[in-house]
Amino acid sequence: NFLIYPSMVGVKVVNIHTNKLVRILGKVEQTERFLSFALFQGKPMKKKIEQGVAVMEADATKEMADPIVVVSAYKKNRFFIFSTREPPESSADFGRDIFNEKPSKEDAAVAASIRTDTPLGKQATIHTTMGDIVIKLFFQECPKTVENFTVHAKNGYYDSTIFHRVIQGFMIQTGDPQGDGTGGESIWGGEFE
C-alpha cells in the first residue's frame, strides 16, 4: 500500500491508494542526501506459554512488528536507521547518535603517535606433558617470527599441539594444529613469509 523513495528532504512514504504523503523520514537530517535504503519488516516472536488476555494485550504493543528503514547518504561513512520505536530512557547516555566512523587523518595521526609498542619477550616457557621447556627468542635476528609466535601463544594457538621434531639443545618444531604438515596461518593472514 505504500511507496517509499529517497528525496531531497528525506525518505518519503506515500500511500499509493490515496496518493497522500504519509511520512517523511530523516527530515531533521537537513544536510544529508539520502540515496539508497533497505526495509526490514521484523516479525514478533510467538510465545509458547499461553497467558491471560489482559497480559497479552499489555504485551501486544511491545511485540508489534516494527518496520525499520536503513538508509545511506551521499559521501557519508555512516548509515541511518529509522524506526517507530523511541530509544529507552536508560540509553540516555548514548543519545540519539552512535558514532562508529573512521577517524579523520588528524585523529589517526594523534593516535599513532600515542601508541606504544609492547616489547616482546626474550624467552618463553612451554608447558608440556613431559615437563617444561624454556626457549630463547631471537627478536633482534627475526622480529616477525618472534612476534608471530608470541601473539599465537597468547591466543592459545599452540594449546594441545604435538611437537613433531625435537633436537635437544638446538630446536623444536611445532605449530601444525591440523597435524598434516601444512602449518597454519600467520597473525597477518595467509602463510608466513
N, C-alpha and C. Protein backbone atom coordinates (compact mmCIF):
# COMPACT_ATOMS: atom_id res chain seq x y z
N ASN A 1 0.80 -1.21 0.00
CA ASN A 1 0.00 0.00 0.00
C ASN A 1 0.84 1.28 0.00
N PHE A 2 2.15 1.13 0.19
CA PHE A 2 2.99 2.31 0.32
C PHE A 2 4.13 2.28 -0.68
N LEU A 3 4.53 3.46 -1.10
CA LEU A 3 5.69 3.65 -1.94
C LEU A 3 6.72 4.42 -1.12
N ILE A 4 7.93 3.87 -1.03
CA ILE A 4 8.99 4.50 -0.25
C ILE A 4 10.12 4.86 -1.20
N TYR A 5 10.57 6.12 -1.15
CA TYR A 5 11.66 6.54 -2.03
C TYR A 5 12.44 7.69 -1.39
N PRO A 6 13.76 7.76 -1.67
CA PRO A 6 14.56 8.86 -1.14
C PRO A 6 14.33 10.13 -1.96
N SER A 7 14.38 11.26 -1.28
CA SER A 7 14.20 12.55 -1.96
C SER A 7 15.15 13.57 -1.34
N MET A 8 15.08 14.81 -1.79
CA MET A 8 15.96 15.86 -1.28
C MET A 8 15.69 16.19 0.19
N VAL A 9 14.46 16.00 0.64
CA VAL A 9 14.10 16.37 2.01
C VAL A 9 14.11 15.19 2.97
N GLY A 10 14.32 13.99 2.48
CA GLY A 10 14.31 12.80 3.33
C GLY A 10 13.71 11.63 2.57
N VAL A 11 13.44 10.56 3.29
CA VAL A 11 12.82 9.38 2.68
C VAL A 11 11.31 9.55 2.80
N LYS A 12 10.64 9.62 1.66
CA LYS A 12 9.19 9.85 1.66
C LYS A 12 8.44 8.53 1.62
N VAL A 13 7.35 8.49 2.39
CA VAL A 13 6.44 7.34 2.41
C VAL A 13 5.09 7.84 1.91
N VAL A 14 4.65 7.31 0.75
CA VAL A 14 3.42 7.76 0.11
C VAL A 14 2.44 6.59 0.04
N ASN A 15 1.18 6.84 0.44
CA ASN A 15 0.13 5.84 0.30
C ASN A 15 -0.31 5.84 -1.16
N ILE A 16 -0.17 4.70 -1.85
CA ILE A 16 -0.46 4.67 -3.29
C ILE A 16 -1.96 4.61 -3.58
N HIS A 17 -2.79 4.25 -2.59
CA HIS A 17 -4.24 4.24 -2.82
C HIS A 17 -4.84 5.64 -2.72
N THR A 18 -4.36 6.41 -1.74
CA THR A 18 -4.90 7.75 -1.55
C THR A 18 -4.02 8.83 -2.17
N ASN A 19 -2.82 8.45 -2.61
CA ASN A 19 -1.86 9.38 -3.19
C ASN A 19 -1.52 10.52 -2.22
N LYS A 20 -1.41 10.18 -0.94
CA LYS A 20 -1.09 11.16 0.10
C LYS A 20 0.28 10.83 0.70
N LEU A 21 1.02 11.88 1.02
CA LEU A 21 2.29 11.73 1.71
C LEU A 21 1.99 11.39 3.16
N VAL A 22 2.42 10.22 3.61
CA VAL A 22 2.13 9.76 4.96
C VAL A 22 3.20 10.21 5.94
N ARG A 23 4.47 10.12 5.52
CA ARG A 23 5.55 10.42 6.45
C ARG A 23 6.81 10.77 5.67
N ILE A 24 7.65 11.62 6.28
CA ILE A 24 8.98 11.90 5.74
C ILE A 24 9.98 11.48 6.82
N LEU A 25 10.81 10.52 6.49
CA LEU A 25 11.83 10.03 7.42
C LEU A 25 13.13 10.80 7.18
N GLY A 26 13.78 11.21 8.26
CA GLY A 26 15.06 11.90 8.15
C GLY A 26 14.95 13.36 7.77
N LYS A 27 13.82 13.96 8.01
CA LYS A 27 13.64 15.37 7.66
C LYS A 27 14.56 16.26 8.49
N VAL A 28 14.85 15.84 9.72
CA VAL A 28 15.71 16.65 10.59
C VAL A 28 17.17 16.58 10.16
N GLU A 29 17.53 15.58 9.36
CA GLU A 29 18.90 15.46 8.85
C GLU A 29 18.99 16.31 7.58
N GLN A 30 18.96 17.61 7.72
CA GLN A 30 18.85 18.51 6.57
C GLN A 30 20.08 18.52 5.68
N THR A 31 21.23 18.17 6.22
CA THR A 31 22.46 18.23 5.41
C THR A 31 22.71 16.93 4.65
N GLU A 32 21.89 15.91 4.87
CA GLU A 32 22.12 14.61 4.24
C GLU A 32 21.31 14.48 2.95
N ARG A 33 21.91 13.81 1.98
CA ARG A 33 21.22 13.48 0.72
C ARG A 33 21.11 11.97 0.67
N PHE A 34 19.94 11.45 1.03
CA PHE A 34 19.73 10.01 1.09
C PHE A 34 19.65 9.43 -0.31
N LEU A 35 20.35 8.32 -0.53
CA LEU A 35 20.40 7.71 -1.86
C LEU A 35 19.78 6.33 -1.90
N SER A 36 20.22 5.44 -1.04
CA SER A 36 19.71 4.08 -1.10
C SER A 36 19.21 3.67 0.28
N PHE A 37 18.30 2.72 0.28
CA PHE A 37 17.73 2.29 1.54
C PHE A 37 17.31 0.83 1.46
N ALA A 38 17.07 0.26 2.62
CA ALA A 38 16.56 -1.11 2.73
C ALA A 38 15.49 -1.11 3.80
N LEU A 39 14.50 -1.93 3.62
CA LEU A 39 13.38 -2.03 4.56
C LEU A 39 13.42 -3.39 5.22
N PHE A 40 13.32 -3.42 6.54
CA PHE A 40 13.24 -4.67 7.28
C PHE A 40 11.94 -4.68 8.04
N GLN A 41 11.12 -5.67 7.76
CA GLN A 41 9.85 -5.81 8.46
C GLN A 41 10.00 -6.96 9.45
N GLY A 42 10.31 -6.63 10.69
CA GLY A 42 10.50 -7.66 11.71
C GLY A 42 9.19 -8.32 12.08
N LYS A 43 9.28 -9.57 12.48
CA LYS A 43 8.09 -10.29 12.92
C LYS A 43 8.22 -10.54 14.41
N PRO A 44 7.12 -10.32 15.16
CA PRO A 44 7.20 -10.57 16.59
C PRO A 44 7.33 -12.06 16.87
N MET A 45 8.05 -12.36 17.94
CA MET A 45 8.22 -13.76 18.33
C MET A 45 6.96 -14.24 19.03
N LYS A 46 6.55 -15.46 18.73
CA LYS A 46 5.38 -16.03 19.38
C LYS A 46 5.81 -16.70 20.67
N LYS A 47 5.02 -16.49 21.70
CA LYS A 47 5.32 -17.11 22.98
C LYS A 47 4.71 -18.49 23.02
N LYS A 48 5.44 -19.43 23.64
CA LYS A 48 4.97 -20.81 23.71
C LYS A 48 3.95 -21.00 24.83
N ILE A 49 4.04 -20.19 25.86
CA ILE A 49 3.14 -20.33 27.00
C ILE A 49 1.97 -19.38 26.81
N GLU A 50 0.76 -19.91 26.98
CA GLU A 50 -0.42 -19.05 26.84
C GLU A 50 -0.58 -18.23 28.11
N GLN A 51 -0.96 -16.97 27.92
CA GLN A 51 -1.12 -16.07 29.04
C GLN A 51 -2.56 -15.57 29.07
N GLY A 52 -2.88 -14.85 30.14
CA GLY A 52 -4.20 -14.27 30.24
C GLY A 52 -4.39 -13.16 29.22
N VAL A 53 -5.65 -12.82 28.93
CA VAL A 53 -5.97 -11.83 27.90
C VAL A 53 -5.41 -10.46 28.27
N ALA A 54 -5.52 -10.06 29.54
CA ALA A 54 -5.04 -8.74 29.95
C ALA A 54 -3.53 -8.62 29.78
N VAL A 55 -2.81 -9.67 30.13
CA VAL A 55 -1.36 -9.65 30.00
C VAL A 55 -0.97 -9.62 28.53
N MET A 56 -1.69 -10.40 27.71
CA MET A 56 -1.39 -10.45 26.28
C MET A 56 -1.63 -9.10 25.62
N GLU A 57 -2.69 -8.39 26.01
CA GLU A 57 -2.96 -7.08 25.43
C GLU A 57 -1.89 -6.07 25.83
N ALA A 58 -1.40 -6.17 27.07
CA ALA A 58 -0.35 -5.25 27.53
C ALA A 58 0.95 -5.50 26.77
N ASP A 59 1.24 -6.78 26.48
CA ASP A 59 2.46 -7.10 25.76
C ASP A 59 2.33 -6.89 24.27
N ALA A 60 1.12 -6.71 23.76
CA ALA A 60 0.92 -6.61 22.31
C ALA A 60 1.65 -5.41 21.72
N THR A 61 1.69 -4.32 22.47
CA THR A 61 2.38 -3.15 21.93
C THR A 61 3.88 -3.37 21.86
N LYS A 62 4.44 -4.15 22.80
CA LYS A 62 5.87 -4.43 22.78
C LYS A 62 6.22 -5.38 21.64
N GLU A 63 5.29 -6.31 21.32
CA GLU A 63 5.58 -7.36 20.35
C GLU A 63 5.14 -7.02 18.93
N MET A 64 4.59 -5.84 18.71
CA MET A 64 4.17 -5.49 17.36
C MET A 64 5.38 -5.42 16.44
N ALA A 65 5.15 -5.79 15.20
CA ALA A 65 6.24 -5.71 14.22
C ALA A 65 6.65 -4.25 14.05
N ASP A 66 7.94 -4.02 14.10
CA ASP A 66 8.46 -2.66 13.99
C ASP A 66 9.25 -2.55 12.70
N PRO A 67 8.69 -1.91 11.67
CA PRO A 67 9.46 -1.79 10.43
C PRO A 67 10.65 -0.86 10.63
N ILE A 68 11.77 -1.25 10.07
CA ILE A 68 12.99 -0.47 10.19
C ILE A 68 13.47 -0.12 8.79
N VAL A 69 13.80 1.14 8.59
CA VAL A 69 14.35 1.58 7.31
C VAL A 69 15.82 1.95 7.56
N VAL A 70 16.71 1.30 6.83
CA VAL A 70 18.15 1.57 6.91
C VAL A 70 18.53 2.35 5.66
N VAL A 71 19.12 3.53 5.84
CA VAL A 71 19.37 4.44 4.73
C VAL A 71 20.85 4.85 4.71
N SER A 72 21.40 4.98 3.51
CA SER A 72 22.75 5.53 3.37
C SER A 72 22.65 6.89 2.69
N ALA A 73 23.64 7.73 2.95
CA ALA A 73 23.63 9.09 2.42
C ALA A 73 24.83 9.31 1.51
N TYR A 74 24.73 10.31 0.68
CA TYR A 74 25.77 10.65 -0.30
C TYR A 74 27.05 11.07 0.41
N LYS A 75 28.17 10.41 0.07
CA LYS A 75 29.51 10.70 0.59
C LYS A 75 29.57 10.71 2.12
N LYS A 76 28.86 9.79 2.75
CA LYS A 76 28.89 9.66 4.21
C LYS A 76 29.30 8.24 4.56
N ASN A 77 30.18 8.12 5.56
CA ASN A 77 30.62 6.81 6.03
C ASN A 77 29.75 6.35 7.19
N ARG A 78 28.48 6.47 7.05
CA ARG A 78 27.56 6.05 8.10
C ARG A 78 26.25 5.64 7.47
N PHE A 79 25.43 5.01 8.25
CA PHE A 79 24.09 4.71 7.80
C PHE A 79 23.11 5.16 8.88
N PHE A 80 21.89 5.38 8.48
CA PHE A 80 20.86 5.89 9.36
C PHE A 80 19.78 4.82 9.50
N ILE A 81 19.30 4.63 10.71
CA ILE A 81 18.24 3.66 10.98
C ILE A 81 17.04 4.43 11.49
N PHE A 82 15.92 4.26 10.79
CA PHE A 82 14.68 4.90 11.20
C PHE A 82 13.70 3.82 11.64
N SER A 83 13.06 4.06 12.79
CA SER A 83 12.14 3.09 13.37
C SER A 83 10.99 3.84 14.01
N THR A 84 9.93 3.13 14.34
CA THR A 84 8.81 3.78 15.02
C THR A 84 9.00 3.78 16.53
N ARG A 85 9.95 3.02 17.01
CA ARG A 85 10.20 2.95 18.45
C ARG A 85 11.12 4.07 18.90
N GLU A 86 10.84 4.54 20.10
CA GLU A 86 11.70 5.54 20.72
C GLU A 86 12.79 4.80 21.49
N PRO A 87 13.99 5.36 21.59
CA PRO A 87 15.03 4.69 22.39
C PRO A 87 14.62 4.66 23.86
N PRO A 88 15.00 3.61 24.59
CA PRO A 88 14.64 3.54 26.01
C PRO A 88 15.32 4.65 26.80
N GLU A 89 14.70 4.99 27.91
CA GLU A 89 15.23 6.07 28.75
C GLU A 89 16.61 5.72 29.30
N SER A 90 16.88 4.42 29.49
CA SER A 90 18.16 4.02 30.07
C SER A 90 19.33 4.29 29.14
N SER A 91 19.06 4.47 27.84
CA SER A 91 20.15 4.72 26.90
C SER A 91 20.39 6.22 26.70
N ALA A 92 20.03 7.03 27.67
CA ALA A 92 20.19 8.48 27.54
C ALA A 92 21.66 8.88 27.45
N ASP A 93 22.54 8.04 28.01
CA ASP A 93 23.96 8.38 27.95
C ASP A 93 24.50 8.25 26.53
N PHE A 94 23.87 7.44 25.68
CA PHE A 94 24.30 7.32 24.30
C PHE A 94 23.74 8.44 23.44
N GLY A 95 22.55 8.90 23.78
CA GLY A 95 21.90 9.90 22.96
C GLY A 95 21.33 9.28 21.70
N ARG A 96 20.95 10.11 20.78
CA ARG A 96 20.34 9.64 19.55
C ARG A 96 21.37 9.07 18.60
N ASP A 97 22.54 9.66 18.53
CA ASP A 97 23.56 9.25 17.57
C ASP A 97 24.61 8.38 18.25
N ILE A 98 24.99 7.33 17.55
CA ILE A 98 26.09 6.48 18.00
C ILE A 98 27.14 6.54 16.90
N PHE A 99 28.31 7.06 17.22
CA PHE A 99 29.34 7.26 16.21
C PHE A 99 30.29 6.07 16.19
N ASN A 100 30.48 5.52 15.02
CA ASN A 100 31.43 4.42 14.82
C ASN A 100 32.04 4.63 13.44
N GLU A 101 32.65 5.77 13.26
CA GLU A 101 33.16 6.15 11.95
C GLU A 101 34.68 6.09 11.93
N LYS A 102 35.22 6.02 10.74
CA LYS A 102 36.66 6.04 10.56
C LYS A 102 37.17 7.40 11.03
N PRO A 103 38.22 7.42 11.85
CA PRO A 103 38.70 8.71 12.35
C PRO A 103 39.32 9.55 11.24
N SER A 104 39.33 10.85 11.47
CA SER A 104 39.93 11.75 10.49
C SER A 104 41.44 11.54 10.48
N LYS A 105 42.12 12.13 9.49
CA LYS A 105 43.58 11.97 9.38
C LYS A 105 44.29 12.55 10.60
N GLU A 106 43.77 13.66 11.13
CA GLU A 106 44.39 14.28 12.29
C GLU A 106 44.26 13.37 13.51
N ASP A 107 43.05 12.79 13.72
CA ASP A 107 42.84 11.90 14.86
C ASP A 107 43.70 10.65 14.74
N ALA A 108 43.84 10.12 13.52
CA ALA A 108 44.65 8.92 13.31
C ALA A 108 46.12 9.21 13.59
N ALA A 109 46.59 10.42 13.22
CA ALA A 109 47.99 10.79 13.46
C ALA A 109 48.26 10.91 14.96
N VAL A 110 47.32 11.49 15.70
CA VAL A 110 47.48 11.62 17.14
C VAL A 110 47.50 10.24 17.80
N ALA A 111 46.59 9.36 17.37
CA ALA A 111 46.54 8.01 17.95
C ALA A 111 47.80 7.23 17.64
N ALA A 112 48.36 7.41 16.45
CA ALA A 112 49.58 6.69 16.08
C ALA A 112 50.77 7.16 16.90
N SER A 113 50.81 8.46 17.22
CA SER A 113 51.94 8.97 18.00
C SER A 113 51.86 8.53 19.45
N ILE A 114 50.66 8.30 19.96
CA ILE A 114 50.47 7.87 21.34
C ILE A 114 50.75 6.38 21.50
N ARG A 115 50.50 5.59 20.46
CA ARG A 115 50.63 4.14 20.52
C ARG A 115 52.04 3.74 20.93
N THR A 116 52.13 2.86 21.90
CA THR A 116 53.43 2.36 22.32
C THR A 116 53.49 0.88 22.00
N ASP A 117 54.57 0.47 21.37
CA ASP A 117 54.75 -0.94 21.05
C ASP A 117 55.19 -1.68 22.31
N THR A 118 54.50 -2.76 22.62
CA THR A 118 54.89 -3.55 23.77
C THR A 118 56.08 -4.41 23.37
N PRO A 119 57.14 -4.39 24.15
CA PRO A 119 58.31 -5.19 23.80
C PRO A 119 57.98 -6.68 23.92
N LEU A 120 58.50 -7.45 22.98
CA LEU A 120 58.28 -8.88 23.01
C LEU A 120 59.32 -9.53 23.92
N GLY A 121 58.98 -10.69 24.43
CA GLY A 121 59.86 -11.36 25.38
C GLY A 121 61.13 -11.88 24.74
N LYS A 122 62.11 -12.18 25.62
CA LYS A 122 63.38 -12.73 25.16
C LYS A 122 63.39 -14.25 25.31
N GLN A 123 62.46 -14.76 26.12
CA GLN A 123 62.36 -16.20 26.27
C GLN A 123 60.92 -16.57 26.58
N ALA A 124 60.62 -17.85 26.40
CA ALA A 124 59.27 -18.35 26.66
C ALA A 124 59.38 -19.71 27.31
N THR A 125 58.40 -20.03 28.14
CA THR A 125 58.34 -21.34 28.77
C THR A 125 57.17 -22.10 28.18
N ILE A 126 57.45 -23.28 27.65
CA ILE A 126 56.40 -24.11 27.06
C ILE A 126 56.12 -25.24 28.05
N HIS A 127 54.88 -25.30 28.52
CA HIS A 127 54.48 -26.33 29.48
C HIS A 127 53.96 -27.53 28.70
N THR A 128 54.62 -28.68 28.85
CA THR A 128 54.22 -29.89 28.13
C THR A 128 53.88 -31.00 29.11
N THR A 129 53.36 -32.10 28.60
CA THR A 129 53.06 -33.25 29.45
C THR A 129 54.33 -33.94 29.92
N MET A 130 55.46 -33.70 29.25
CA MET A 130 56.74 -34.31 29.61
C MET A 130 57.62 -33.35 30.42
N GLY A 131 57.10 -32.18 30.78
CA GLY A 131 57.86 -31.20 31.54
C GLY A 131 57.91 -29.87 30.82
N ASP A 132 58.53 -28.89 31.46
CA ASP A 132 58.62 -27.55 30.89
C ASP A 132 59.84 -27.42 29.99
N ILE A 133 59.67 -26.62 28.93
CA ILE A 133 60.77 -26.33 28.01
C ILE A 133 60.93 -24.81 27.99
N VAL A 134 62.13 -24.34 28.31
CA VAL A 134 62.42 -22.91 28.25
C VAL A 134 63.16 -22.66 26.94
N ILE A 135 62.61 -21.74 26.13
CA ILE A 135 63.23 -21.45 24.84
C ILE A 135 63.65 -19.99 24.79
N LYS A 136 64.70 -19.74 24.05
CA LYS A 136 65.20 -18.38 23.86
C LYS A 136 64.62 -17.85 22.55
N LEU A 137 64.15 -16.60 22.57
CA LEU A 137 63.58 -15.97 21.38
C LEU A 137 64.58 -14.95 20.84
N PHE A 138 64.86 -15.01 19.57
CA PHE A 138 65.84 -14.12 18.93
C PHE A 138 65.12 -12.97 18.22
N PHE A 139 64.72 -11.97 19.01
CA PHE A 139 63.96 -10.85 18.47
C PHE A 139 64.80 -9.99 17.53
N GLN A 140 66.07 -9.79 17.85
CA GLN A 140 66.91 -8.94 17.00
C GLN A 140 67.13 -9.55 15.63
N GLU A 141 67.27 -10.87 15.57
CA GLU A 141 67.56 -11.55 14.32
C GLU A 141 66.32 -11.76 13.45
N CYS A 142 65.19 -12.08 14.08
CA CYS A 142 63.96 -12.36 13.30
C CYS A 142 62.74 -11.86 14.07
N PRO A 143 62.51 -10.54 14.04
CA PRO A 143 61.42 -9.95 14.83
C PRO A 143 60.03 -10.42 14.41
N LYS A 144 59.81 -10.60 13.11
CA LYS A 144 58.47 -11.02 12.66
C LYS A 144 58.13 -12.42 13.15
N THR A 145 59.12 -13.31 13.17
CA THR A 145 58.90 -14.67 13.64
C THR A 145 58.57 -14.67 15.13
N VAL A 146 59.30 -13.89 15.90
CA VAL A 146 59.06 -13.81 17.34
C VAL A 146 57.69 -13.21 17.62
N GLU A 147 57.33 -12.16 16.89
CA GLU A 147 56.02 -11.55 17.08
C GLU A 147 54.91 -12.52 16.71
N ASN A 148 55.05 -13.23 15.61
CA ASN A 148 54.05 -14.22 15.19
C ASN A 148 53.89 -15.31 16.26
N PHE A 149 55.02 -15.82 16.76
CA PHE A 149 54.98 -16.86 17.79
C PHE A 149 54.33 -16.35 19.07
N THR A 150 54.73 -15.15 19.51
CA THR A 150 54.24 -14.60 20.77
C THR A 150 52.73 -14.37 20.73
N VAL A 151 52.25 -13.76 19.66
CA VAL A 151 50.81 -13.49 19.55
C VAL A 151 50.02 -14.79 19.48
N HIS A 152 50.50 -15.75 18.68
CA HIS A 152 49.82 -17.05 18.61
C HIS A 152 49.80 -17.74 19.97
N ALA A 153 50.90 -17.67 20.70
CA ALA A 153 50.97 -18.31 22.01
C ALA A 153 49.99 -17.67 22.99
N LYS A 154 49.91 -16.34 22.99
CA LYS A 154 48.98 -15.65 23.88
C LYS A 154 47.53 -15.98 23.54
N ASN A 155 47.24 -16.20 22.25
CA ASN A 155 45.87 -16.51 21.82
C ASN A 155 45.52 -17.99 21.97
N GLY A 156 46.45 -18.81 22.44
CA GLY A 156 46.18 -20.23 22.64
C GLY A 156 46.27 -21.07 21.39
N TYR A 157 46.92 -20.58 20.37
CA TYR A 157 47.03 -21.29 19.09
C TYR A 157 47.77 -22.61 19.24
N TYR A 158 48.78 -22.65 20.12
CA TYR A 158 49.61 -23.84 20.26
C TYR A 158 49.11 -24.80 21.33
N ASP A 159 48.00 -24.49 21.99
CA ASP A 159 47.48 -25.37 23.03
C ASP A 159 47.17 -26.74 22.44
N SER A 160 47.61 -27.79 23.12
CA SER A 160 47.38 -29.19 22.73
C SER A 160 47.97 -29.52 21.36
N THR A 161 49.05 -28.86 20.99
CA THR A 161 49.71 -29.13 19.71
C THR A 161 50.87 -30.10 19.94
N ILE A 162 51.06 -31.02 19.02
CA ILE A 162 52.12 -32.03 19.13
C ILE A 162 53.42 -31.47 18.56
N PHE A 163 54.54 -31.70 19.31
CA PHE A 163 55.86 -31.36 18.79
C PHE A 163 56.28 -32.50 17.87
N HIS A 164 56.48 -32.20 16.61
CA HIS A 164 56.81 -33.28 15.68
C HIS A 164 58.31 -33.36 15.38
N ARG A 165 59.09 -32.46 15.96
CA ARG A 165 60.54 -32.52 15.75
C ARG A 165 61.23 -31.84 16.93
N VAL A 166 62.09 -32.57 17.62
CA VAL A 166 62.83 -32.03 18.75
C VAL A 166 64.30 -32.39 18.58
N ILE A 167 65.16 -31.38 18.56
CA ILE A 167 66.61 -31.59 18.52
C ILE A 167 67.15 -30.91 19.76
N GLN A 168 67.57 -31.73 20.75
CA GLN A 168 67.98 -31.21 22.05
C GLN A 168 69.11 -30.21 21.92
N GLY A 169 68.95 -29.08 22.61
CA GLY A 169 69.96 -28.03 22.62
C GLY A 169 69.97 -27.19 21.35
N PHE A 170 69.08 -27.48 20.41
CA PHE A 170 69.09 -26.72 19.16
C PHE A 170 67.72 -26.15 18.82
N MET A 171 66.71 -27.02 18.63
CA MET A 171 65.41 -26.50 18.19
C MET A 171 64.28 -27.48 18.49
N ILE A 172 63.07 -26.94 18.48
CA ILE A 172 61.86 -27.75 18.48
C ILE A 172 61.01 -27.28 17.32
N GLN A 173 60.23 -28.17 16.75
CA GLN A 173 59.38 -27.78 15.62
C GLN A 173 57.95 -28.20 15.92
N THR A 174 57.05 -27.23 15.80
CA THR A 174 55.63 -27.46 16.06
C THR A 174 54.85 -26.42 15.27
N GLY A 175 53.64 -26.12 15.71
CA GLY A 175 52.84 -25.09 15.03
C GLY A 175 52.01 -25.66 13.91
N ASP A 176 51.65 -26.93 14.02
CA ASP A 176 50.84 -27.58 13.00
C ASP A 176 49.60 -28.18 13.66
N PRO A 177 48.63 -27.34 14.02
CA PRO A 177 47.47 -27.84 14.75
C PRO A 177 46.66 -28.90 14.01
N GLN A 178 46.68 -28.89 12.66
CA GLN A 178 45.94 -29.90 11.91
C GLN A 178 46.69 -31.23 11.89
N GLY A 179 47.99 -31.21 12.11
CA GLY A 179 48.78 -32.43 12.11
C GLY A 179 49.04 -32.99 10.72
N ASP A 180 48.87 -32.20 9.68
CA ASP A 180 49.06 -32.70 8.32
C ASP A 180 50.28 -32.10 7.62
N GLY A 181 51.10 -31.35 8.36
CA GLY A 181 52.31 -30.80 7.79
C GLY A 181 52.13 -29.49 7.04
N THR A 182 50.93 -28.94 7.05
CA THR A 182 50.69 -27.71 6.30
C THR A 182 50.96 -26.47 7.12
N GLY A 183 51.20 -26.61 8.41
CA GLY A 183 51.42 -25.44 9.24
C GLY A 183 50.11 -24.73 9.52
N GLY A 184 50.13 -23.43 9.51
CA GLY A 184 48.92 -22.67 9.79
C GLY A 184 49.04 -21.27 9.26
N GLU A 185 48.09 -20.43 9.64
CA GLU A 185 48.05 -19.06 9.15
C GLU A 185 48.82 -18.16 10.11
N SER A 186 49.50 -17.16 9.57
CA SER A 186 50.22 -16.21 10.41
C SER A 186 49.24 -15.21 11.00
N ILE A 187 49.72 -14.40 11.93
CA ILE A 187 48.84 -13.41 12.56
C ILE A 187 48.44 -12.32 11.58
N TRP A 188 49.14 -12.20 10.47
CA TRP A 188 48.82 -11.19 9.47
C TRP A 188 47.94 -11.76 8.37
N GLY A 189 47.56 -13.02 8.49
CA GLY A 189 46.73 -13.67 7.48
C GLY A 189 47.60 -14.33 6.42
N GLY A 190 47.18 -15.48 5.95
CA GLY A 190 47.93 -16.19 4.92
C GLY A 190 49.13 -16.91 5.50
N GLU A 191 49.96 -17.43 4.62
CA GLU A 191 51.16 -18.15 5.06
C GLU A 191 52.23 -17.16 5.51
N PHE A 192 53.07 -17.62 6.42
CA PHE A 192 54.14 -16.78 6.96
C PHE A 192 55.23 -16.60 5.91
N GLU A 193 55.78 -15.39 5.82
CA GLU A 193 56.83 -15.10 4.82
C GLU A 193 58.12 -15.82 5.18
